[in-house]
Amino acid sequence: MFQSSRTAALGICMAVGGLAGGVHSAVGREGIWKALGIFSVGVLGVLIVVSYFVHRTDR
């Protein structure tokens, strides 16, 4: 499904931004739902990157 290196780059950006942003908003006490929403973007980015590399090793 995720075969393009551009998708991997997008996943890396989502992972870094989402995880760092989620932690930052949790520490800044901006609300638990906002922090979880941003953090979930980071988790989705990690899943995209893992999926990309698992698919690459299958080739």
Protein backbone atom coordinates (compact mmCIF):
# COMPACT_ATOMS: atom_id res chain seq x y z
CA MET A 1 0.00 0.00 0.00
CA PHE A 2 2.71 2.49 0.99
CA GLN A 3 5.29 2.01 -1.74
CA SER A 4 6.59 5.48 -2.43
CA SER A 5 9.55 7.04 -0.70
CA ARG A 6 7.49 10.24 -0.57
CA THR A 7 5.01 8.41 1.62
CA ALA A 8 7.86 7.38 3.92
CA ALA A 9 9.00 11.00 4.14
CA LEU A 10 5.45 12.10 4.95
CA GLY A 11 5.25 9.41 7.63
CA ILE A 12 8.52 10.56 9.18
CA CYS A 13 7.30 14.17 9.28
CA MET A 14 3.98 13.07 10.79
CA ALA A 15 5.75 10.93 13.39
CA VAL A 16 8.19 13.60 14.50
CA GLY A 17 5.69 16.43 14.46
CA GLY A 18 2.87 14.48 16.03
CA LEU A 19 4.85 12.90 18.82
CA ALA A 20 6.72 16.08 19.70
CA GLY A 21 3.58 18.21 19.39
CA GLY A 22 1.56 15.81 21.51
CA VAL A 23 4.13 15.86 24.28
CA HIS A 24 4.44 19.63 24.04
CA SER A 25 0.69 20.19 24.27
CA ALA A 26 0.39 17.72 27.17
CA VAL A 27 3.14 19.51 29.09
CA GLY A 28 1.61 22.89 28.24
CA ARG A 29 -1.75 21.71 29.64
CA GLU A 30 -3.73 22.59 26.55
CA GLY A 31 -6.32 19.88 27.11
CA ILE A 32 -6.18 16.13 27.02
CA TRP A 33 -8.23 15.73 23.82
CA LYS A 34 -6.06 18.14 21.90
CA ALA A 35 -2.90 16.41 23.11
CA LEU A 36 -4.27 12.96 22.25
CA GLY A 37 -5.36 14.15 18.81
CA ILE A 38 -1.93 15.50 17.97
CA PHE A 39 -0.24 12.46 19.49
CA SER A 40 -2.41 10.15 17.36
CA VAL A 41 -1.09 11.83 14.23
CA GLY A 42 2.38 10.87 15.40
CA VAL A 43 1.33 7.28 16.00
CA LEU A 44 -0.21 7.14 12.52
CA GLY A 45 3.06 8.45 11.09
CA VAL A 46 5.03 5.74 12.88
CA LEU A 47 2.67 3.10 11.47
CA ILE A 48 3.13 4.47 7.94
CA VAL A 49 6.92 4.35 8.24
CA VAL A 50 6.90 0.84 9.70
CA SER A 51 4.56 -0.30 6.94
CA TYR A 52 6.84 1.19 4.31
CA PHE A 53 9.94 -0.58 5.59
CA VAL A 54 8.16 -3.90 6.14
CA HIS A 55 6.93 -3.71 2.56
CA ARG A 56 10.43 -2.90 1.31
CA THR A 57 11.91 -5.99 2.98
CA ASP A 58 9.26 -8.20 1.35
CA ARG A 59 10.41 -7.24 -2.14
